[in-house]
Amino acid sequence: HALVIGAGGLGSPASFYLASGGFGKITLVD
């Protein structure tokens, strides 16, 4: 489970690859 704090400039590409890479759960906070 990845907690991504910030869905802006850094959170966008980070969460893209966490999702495509198969992290079971991603929590986006913004």
All heavy atoms as atom14 arrays in JSON, in Angstrom:
{
  "sequence": "HALVIGAGGLGSPASFYLASGGFGKITLVD",
  "atom14_mask": [
    [1, 1, 1, 1, 1, 1, 1, 1, 1, 1, 0, 0, 0, 0],
    [1, 1, 1, 1, 1, 0, 0, 0, 0, 0, 0, 0, 0, 0],
    [1, 1, 1, 1, 1, 1, 1, 1, 0, 0, 0, 0, 0, 0],
    [1, 1, 1, 1, 1, 1, 1, 0, 0, 0, 0, 0, 0, 0],
    [1, 1, 1, 1, 1, 1, 1, 1, 0, 0, 0, 0, 0, 0],
    [1, 1, 1, 1, 0, 0, 0, 0, 0, 0, 0, 0, 0, 0],
    [1, 1, 1, 1, 1, 0, 0, 0, 0, 0, 0, 0, 0, 0],
    [1, 1, 1, 1, 0, 0, 0, 0, 0, 0, 0, 0, 0, 0],
    [1, 1, 1, 1, 0, 0, 0, 0, 0, 0, 0, 0, 0, 0],
    [1, 1, 1, 1, 1, 1, 1, 1, 0, 0, 0, 0, 0, 0],
    [1, 1, 1, 1, 0, 0, 0, 0, 0, 0, 0, 0, 0, 0],
    [1, 1, 1, 1, 1, 1, 0, 0, 0, 0, 0, 0, 0, 0],
    [1, 1, 1, 1, 1, 1, 1, 0, 0, 0, 0, 0, 0, 0],
    [1, 1, 1, 1, 1, 0, 0, 0, 0, 0, 0, 0, 0, 0],
    [1, 1, 1, 1, 1, 1, 0, 0, 0, 0, 0, 0, 0, 0],
    [1, 1, 1, 1, 1, 1, 1, 1, 1, 1, 1, 0, 0, 0],
    [1, 1, 1, 1, 1, 1, 1, 1, 1, 1, 1, 1, 0, 0],
    [1, 1, 1, 1, 1, 1, 1, 1, 0, 0, 0, 0, 0, 0],
    [1, 1, 1, 1, 1, 0, 0, 0, 0, 0, 0, 0, 0, 0],
    [1, 1, 1, 1, 1, 1, 0, 0, 0, 0, 0, 0, 0, 0],
    [1, 1, 1, 1, 0, 0, 0, 0, 0, 0, 0, 0, 0, 0],
    [1, 1, 1, 1, 0, 0, 0, 0, 0, 0, 0, 0, 0, 0],
    [1, 1, 1, 1, 1, 1, 1, 1, 1, 1, 1, 0, 0, 0],
    [1, 1, 1, 1, 0, 0, 0, 0, 0, 0, 0, 0, 0, 0],
    [1, 1, 1, 1, 1, 1, 1, 1, 1, 0, 0, 0, 0, 0],
    [1, 1, 1, 1, 1, 1, 1, 1, 0, 0, 0, 0, 0, 0],
    [1, 1, 1, 1, 1, 1, 1, 0, 0, 0, 0, 0, 0, 0],
    [1, 1, 1, 1, 1, 1, 1, 1, 0, 0, 0, 0, 0, 0],
    [1, 1, 1, 1, 1, 1, 1, 0, 0, 0, 0, 0, 0, 0],
    [1, 1, 1, 1, 1, 1, 1, 1, 0, 0, 0, 0, 0, 0]
  ],
  "atom14_positions": [
    [[0.86, -1.19, 0.0], [0.0, 0.0, 0.0], [0.89, 1.23, 0.0], [1.7, 1.43, 0.91], [-0.9, -0.02, 1.24], [-1.72, 1.22, 1.42], [-2.32, 1.54, 2.62], [-2.05, 2.23, 0.57], [-2.98, 2.69, 2.49], [-2.82, 3.12, 1.26], [0.0, 0.0, 0.0], [0.0, 0.0, 0.0], [0.0, 0.0, 0.0], [0.0, 0.0, 0.0]],
    [[0.75, 2.06, -1.03], [1.52, 3.3, -1.13], [0.63, 4.49, -0.8], [-0.48, 4.61, -1.35], [2.1, 3.46, -2.53], [0.0, 0.0, 0.0], [0.0, 0.0, 0.0], [0.0, 0.0, 0.0], [0.0, 0.0, 0.0], [0.0, 0.0, 0.0], [0.0, 0.0, 0.0], [0.0, 0.0, 0.0], [0.0, 0.0, 0.0], [0.0, 0.0, 0.0]],
    [[1.09, 5.35, 0.07], [0.41, 6.59, 0.39], [1.12, 7.71, -0.36], [2.29, 7.99, -0.1], [0.45, 6.84, 1.9], [-0.09, 8.19, 2.39], [-1.57, 8.34, 2.07], [0.16, 8.34, 3.9], [0.0, 0.0, 0.0], [0.0, 0.0, 0.0], [0.0, 0.0, 0.0], [0.0, 0.0, 0.0], [0.0, 0.0, 0.0], [0.0, 0.0, 0.0]],
    [[0.42, 8.35, -1.29], [0.99, 9.42, -2.1], [0.36, 10.73, -1.64], [-0.83, 10.97, -1.85], [0.72, 9.2, -3.6], [1.36, 10.32, -4.42], [1.24, 7.84, -4.05], [0.0, 0.0, 0.0], [0.0, 0.0, 0.0], [0.0, 0.0, 0.0], [0.0, 0.0, 0.0], [0.0, 0.0, 0.0], [0.0, 0.0, 0.0], [0.0, 0.0, 0.0]],
    [[1.17, 11.56, -1.01], [0.67, 12.82, -0.48], [1.0, 13.92, -1.48], [2.15, 14.34, -1.63], [1.28, 13.12, 0.91], [1.03, 11.94, 1.85], [0.68, 14.4, 1.49], [1.67, 12.07, 3.21], [0.0, 0.0, 0.0], [0.0, 0.0, 0.0], [0.0, 0.0, 0.0], [0.0, 0.0, 0.0], [0.0, 0.0, 0.0], [0.0, 0.0, 0.0]],
    [[-0.02, 14.37, -2.17], [0.13, 15.36, -3.24], [-0.12, 14.73, -4.59], [0.58, 13.79, -4.98], [0.0, 0.0, 0.0], [0.0, 0.0, 0.0], [0.0, 0.0, 0.0], [0.0, 0.0, 0.0], [0.0, 0.0, 0.0], [0.0, 0.0, 0.0], [0.0, 0.0, 0.0], [0.0, 0.0, 0.0], [0.0, 0.0, 0.0], [0.0, 0.0, 0.0]],
    [[-1.14, 15.21, -5.3], [-1.48, 14.67, -6.62], [-1.22, 15.71, -7.7], [-2.0, 15.86, -8.63], [-2.94, 14.22, -6.65], [0.0, 0.0, 0.0], [0.0, 0.0, 0.0], [0.0, 0.0, 0.0], [0.0, 0.0, 0.0], [0.0, 0.0, 0.0], [0.0, 0.0, 0.0], [0.0, 0.0, 0.0], [0.0, 0.0, 0.0], [0.0, 0.0, 0.0]],
    [[-0.1, 16.44, -7.55], [0.26, 17.48, -8.5], [1.4, 17.07, -9.4], [1.38, 15.99, -9.98], [0.0, 0.0, 0.0], [0.0, 0.0, 0.0], [0.0, 0.0, 0.0], [0.0, 0.0, 0.0], [0.0, 0.0, 0.0], [0.0, 0.0, 0.0], [0.0, 0.0, 0.0], [0.0, 0.0, 0.0], [0.0, 0.0, 0.0], [0.0, 0.0, 0.0]],
    [[2.42, 17.95, -9.5], [3.51, 17.71, -10.43], [4.28, 16.43, -10.18], [4.54, 15.66, -11.11], [0.0, 0.0, 0.0], [0.0, 0.0, 0.0], [0.0, 0.0, 0.0], [0.0, 0.0, 0.0], [0.0, 0.0, 0.0], [0.0, 0.0, 0.0], [0.0, 0.0, 0.0], [0.0, 0.0, 0.0], [0.0, 0.0, 0.0], [0.0, 0.0, 0.0]],
    [[4.66, 16.16, -8.94], [5.39, 14.94, -8.6], [4.46, 13.75, -8.41], [4.76, 12.63, -8.84], [6.2, 15.16, -7.32], [7.36, 16.16, -7.41], [7.94, 16.44, -6.03], [8.44, 15.64, -8.34], [0.0, 0.0, 0.0], [0.0, 0.0, 0.0], [0.0, 0.0, 0.0], [0.0, 0.0, 0.0], [0.0, 0.0, 0.0], [0.0, 0.0, 0.0]],
    [[3.33, 13.99, -7.77], [2.39, 12.9, -7.52], [1.81, 12.31, -8.78], [1.47, 11.12, -8.81], [0.0, 0.0, 0.0], [0.0, 0.0, 0.0], [0.0, 0.0, 0.0], [0.0, 0.0, 0.0], [0.0, 0.0, 0.0], [0.0, 0.0, 0.0], [0.0, 0.0, 0.0], [0.0, 0.0, 0.0], [0.0, 0.0, 0.0], [0.0, 0.0, 0.0]],
    [[1.73, 13.12, -9.85], [1.17, 12.61, -11.11], [2.02, 11.49, -11.7], [1.54, 10.35, -11.83], [1.02, 13.75, -12.12], [-0.01, 14.63, -11.78], [0.0, 0.0, 0.0], [0.0, 0.0, 0.0], [0.0, 0.0, 0.0], [0.0, 0.0, 0.0], [0.0, 0.0, 0.0], [0.0, 0.0, 0.0], [0.0, 0.0, 0.0], [0.0, 0.0, 0.0]],
    [[3.28, 11.72, -12.05], [4.07, 10.63, -12.62], [4.36, 9.51, -11.63], [4.41, 8.34, -12.01], [5.37, 11.32, -13.06], [5.46, 12.55, -12.22], [4.05, 12.98, -12.01], [0.0, 0.0, 0.0], [0.0, 0.0, 0.0], [0.0, 0.0, 0.0], [0.0, 0.0, 0.0], [0.0, 0.0, 0.0], [0.0, 0.0, 0.0], [0.0, 0.0, 0.0]],
    [[4.52, 9.87, -10.36], [4.78, 8.83, -9.36], [3.62, 7.85, -9.3], [3.81, 6.62, -9.36], [5.01, 9.47, -7.98], [0.0, 0.0, 0.0], [0.0, 0.0, 0.0], [0.0, 0.0, 0.0], [0.0, 0.0, 0.0], [0.0, 0.0, 0.0], [0.0, 0.0, 0.0], [0.0, 0.0, 0.0], [0.0, 0.0, 0.0], [0.0, 0.0, 0.0]],
    [[2.4, 8.37, -9.2], [1.25, 7.47, -9.07], [0.96, 6.73, -10.38], [0.47, 5.6, -10.36], [0.02, 8.25, -8.61], [-0.3, 9.3, -9.49], [0.0, 0.0, 0.0], [0.0, 0.0, 0.0], [0.0, 0.0, 0.0], [0.0, 0.0, 0.0], [0.0, 0.0, 0.0], [0.0, 0.0, 0.0], [0.0, 0.0, 0.0], [0.0, 0.0, 0.0]],
    [[1.27, 7.35, -11.53], [1.13, 6.67, -12.81], [1.88, 5.34, -12.78], [1.34, 4.28, -13.13], [1.69, 7.54, -13.93], [0.67, 8.18, -14.81], [0.31, 9.5, -14.63], [0.07, 7.46, -15.83], [-0.63, 10.1, -15.46], [-0.88, 8.05, -16.66], [-1.23, 9.38, -16.48], [0.0, 0.0, 0.0], [0.0, 0.0, 0.0], [0.0, 0.0, 0.0]],
    [[3.15, 5.39, -12.36], [3.97, 4.19, -12.41], [3.74, 3.25, -11.24], [3.96, 2.05, -11.34], [5.45, 4.56, -12.54], [5.81, 4.83, -13.99], [5.89, 6.13, -14.45], [6.02, 3.79, -14.88], [6.18, 6.4, -15.78], [6.31, 4.03, -16.21], [6.38, 5.35, -16.67], [6.66, 5.59, -17.98], [0.0, 0.0, 0.0], [0.0, 0.0, 0.0]],
    [[3.26, 3.77, -10.12], [2.85, 2.88, -9.04], [1.66, 2.05, -9.49], [1.58, 0.85, -9.22], [2.48, 3.69, -7.79], [3.59, 4.48, -7.1], [3.02, 5.23, -5.91], [4.72, 3.57, -6.66], [0.0, 0.0, 0.0], [0.0, 0.0, 0.0], [0.0, 0.0, 0.0], [0.0, 0.0, 0.0], [0.0, 0.0, 0.0], [0.0, 0.0, 0.0]],
    [[0.73, 2.7, -10.19], [-0.47, 2.0, -10.66], [-0.12, 1.0, -11.76], [-0.51, -0.17, -11.7], [-1.51, 3.01, -11.16], [0.0, 0.0, 0.0], [0.0, 0.0, 0.0], [0.0, 0.0, 0.0], [0.0, 0.0, 0.0], [0.0, 0.0, 0.0], [0.0, 0.0, 0.0], [0.0, 0.0, 0.0], [0.0, 0.0, 0.0], [0.0, 0.0, 0.0]],
    [[0.61, 1.46, -12.76], [0.94, 0.55, -13.87], [1.86, -0.57, -13.39], [1.82, -1.69, -13.91], [1.6, 1.32, -15.01], [2.83, 1.88, -14.6], [0.0, 0.0, 0.0], [0.0, 0.0, 0.0], [0.0, 0.0, 0.0], [0.0, 0.0, 0.0], [0.0, 0.0, 0.0], [0.0, 0.0, 0.0], [0.0, 0.0, 0.0], [0.0, 0.0, 0.0]],
    [[2.69, -0.28, -12.38], [3.6, -1.29, -11.85], [2.95, -2.29, -10.92], [3.59, -3.27, -10.54], [0.0, 0.0, 0.0], [0.0, 0.0, 0.0], [0.0, 0.0, 0.0], [0.0, 0.0, 0.0], [0.0, 0.0, 0.0], [0.0, 0.0, 0.0], [0.0, 0.0, 0.0], [0.0, 0.0, 0.0], [0.0, 0.0, 0.0], [0.0, 0.0, 0.0]],
    [[1.7, -2.05, -10.52], [0.95, -3.07, -9.8], [0.86, -2.94, -8.3], [0.56, -3.93, -7.61], [0.0, 0.0, 0.0], [0.0, 0.0, 0.0], [0.0, 0.0, 0.0], [0.0, 0.0, 0.0], [0.0, 0.0, 0.0], [0.0, 0.0, 0.0], [0.0, 0.0, 0.0], [0.0, 0.0, 0.0], [0.0, 0.0, 0.0], [0.0, 0.0, 0.0]],
    [[1.11, -1.75, -7.74], [0.89, -1.59, -6.3], [-0.55, -1.96, -5.97], [-1.49, -1.47, -6.6], [1.16, -0.14, -5.88], [2.44, 0.04, -5.12], [3.64, 0.17, -5.79], [2.45, 0.04, -3.74], [4.83, 0.32, -5.1], [3.63, 0.2, -3.03], [4.83, 0.34, -3.71], [0.0, 0.0, 0.0], [0.0, 0.0, 0.0], [0.0, 0.0, 0.0]],
    [[-0.72, -2.81, -4.96], [-2.06, -3.31, -4.65], [-3.04, -2.23, -4.24], [-4.23, -2.29, -4.57], [0.0, 0.0, 0.0], [0.0, 0.0, 0.0], [0.0, 0.0, 0.0], [0.0, 0.0, 0.0], [0.0, 0.0, 0.0], [0.0, 0.0, 0.0], [0.0, 0.0, 0.0], [0.0, 0.0, 0.0], [0.0, 0.0, 0.0], [0.0, 0.0, 0.0]],
    [[-2.55, -1.23, -3.5], [-3.4, -0.12, -3.1], [-2.6, 1.17, -3.15], [-1.45, 1.21, -2.71], [-3.97, -0.33, -1.69], [-4.88, 0.8, -1.24], [-5.5, 0.55, 0.14], [-6.41, 1.7, 0.55], [-7.04, 1.48, 1.87], [0.0, 0.0, 0.0], [0.0, 0.0, 0.0], [0.0, 0.0, 0.0], [0.0, 0.0, 0.0], [0.0, 0.0, 0.0]],
    [[-3.23, 2.19, -3.69], [-2.64, 3.52, -3.73], [-3.65, 4.49, -3.12], [-4.8, 4.54, -3.55], [-2.31, 3.96, -5.17], [-1.32, 3.0, -5.82], [-1.75, 5.38, -5.17], [-1.14, 3.22, -7.31], [0.0, 0.0, 0.0], [0.0, 0.0, 0.0], [0.0, 0.0, 0.0], [0.0, 0.0, 0.0], [0.0, 0.0, 0.0], [0.0, 0.0, 0.0]],
    [[-3.21, 5.24, -2.13], [-4.04, 6.29, -1.55], [-3.49, 7.64, -1.97], [-2.34, 7.96, -1.67], [-4.08, 6.2, -0.02], [-4.66, 4.94, 0.37], [-4.92, 7.33, 0.56], [0.0, 0.0, 0.0], [0.0, 0.0, 0.0], [0.0, 0.0, 0.0], [0.0, 0.0, 0.0], [0.0, 0.0, 0.0], [0.0, 0.0, 0.0], [0.0, 0.0, 0.0]],
    [[-4.3, 8.39, -2.71], [-3.93, 9.73, -3.16], [-4.54, 10.76, -2.22], [-5.74, 10.71, -1.94], [-4.48, 9.98, -4.57], [-3.7, 9.47, -5.78], [-4.48, 9.82, -7.05], [-2.31, 10.05, -5.84], [0.0, 0.0, 0.0], [0.0, 0.0, 0.0], [0.0, 0.0, 0.0], [0.0, 0.0, 0.0], [0.0, 0.0, 0.0], [0.0, 0.0, 0.0]],
    [[-3.73, 11.69, -1.76], [-4.2, 12.72, -0.83], [-3.93, 14.1, -1.43], [-2.79, 14.44, -1.73], [-3.49, 12.62, 0.53], [-4.02, 13.68, 1.48], [-3.66, 11.23, 1.13], [0.0, 0.0, 0.0], [0.0, 0.0, 0.0], [0.0, 0.0, 0.0], [0.0, 0.0, 0.0], [0.0, 0.0, 0.0], [0.0, 0.0, 0.0], [0.0, 0.0, 0.0]],
    [[-4.99, 14.87, -1.62], [-4.84, 16.25, -2.11], [-6.17, 16.97, -1.95], [-7.21, 16.43, -2.36], [-4.4, 16.27, -3.57], [-3.68, 17.57, -3.94], [-4.23, 18.65, -3.63], [-2.59, 17.5, -4.53], [0.0, 0.0, 0.0], [0.0, 0.0, 0.0], [0.0, 0.0, 0.0], [0.0, 0.0, 0.0], [0.0, 0.0, 0.0], [0.0, 0.0, 0.0]]
  ]
}
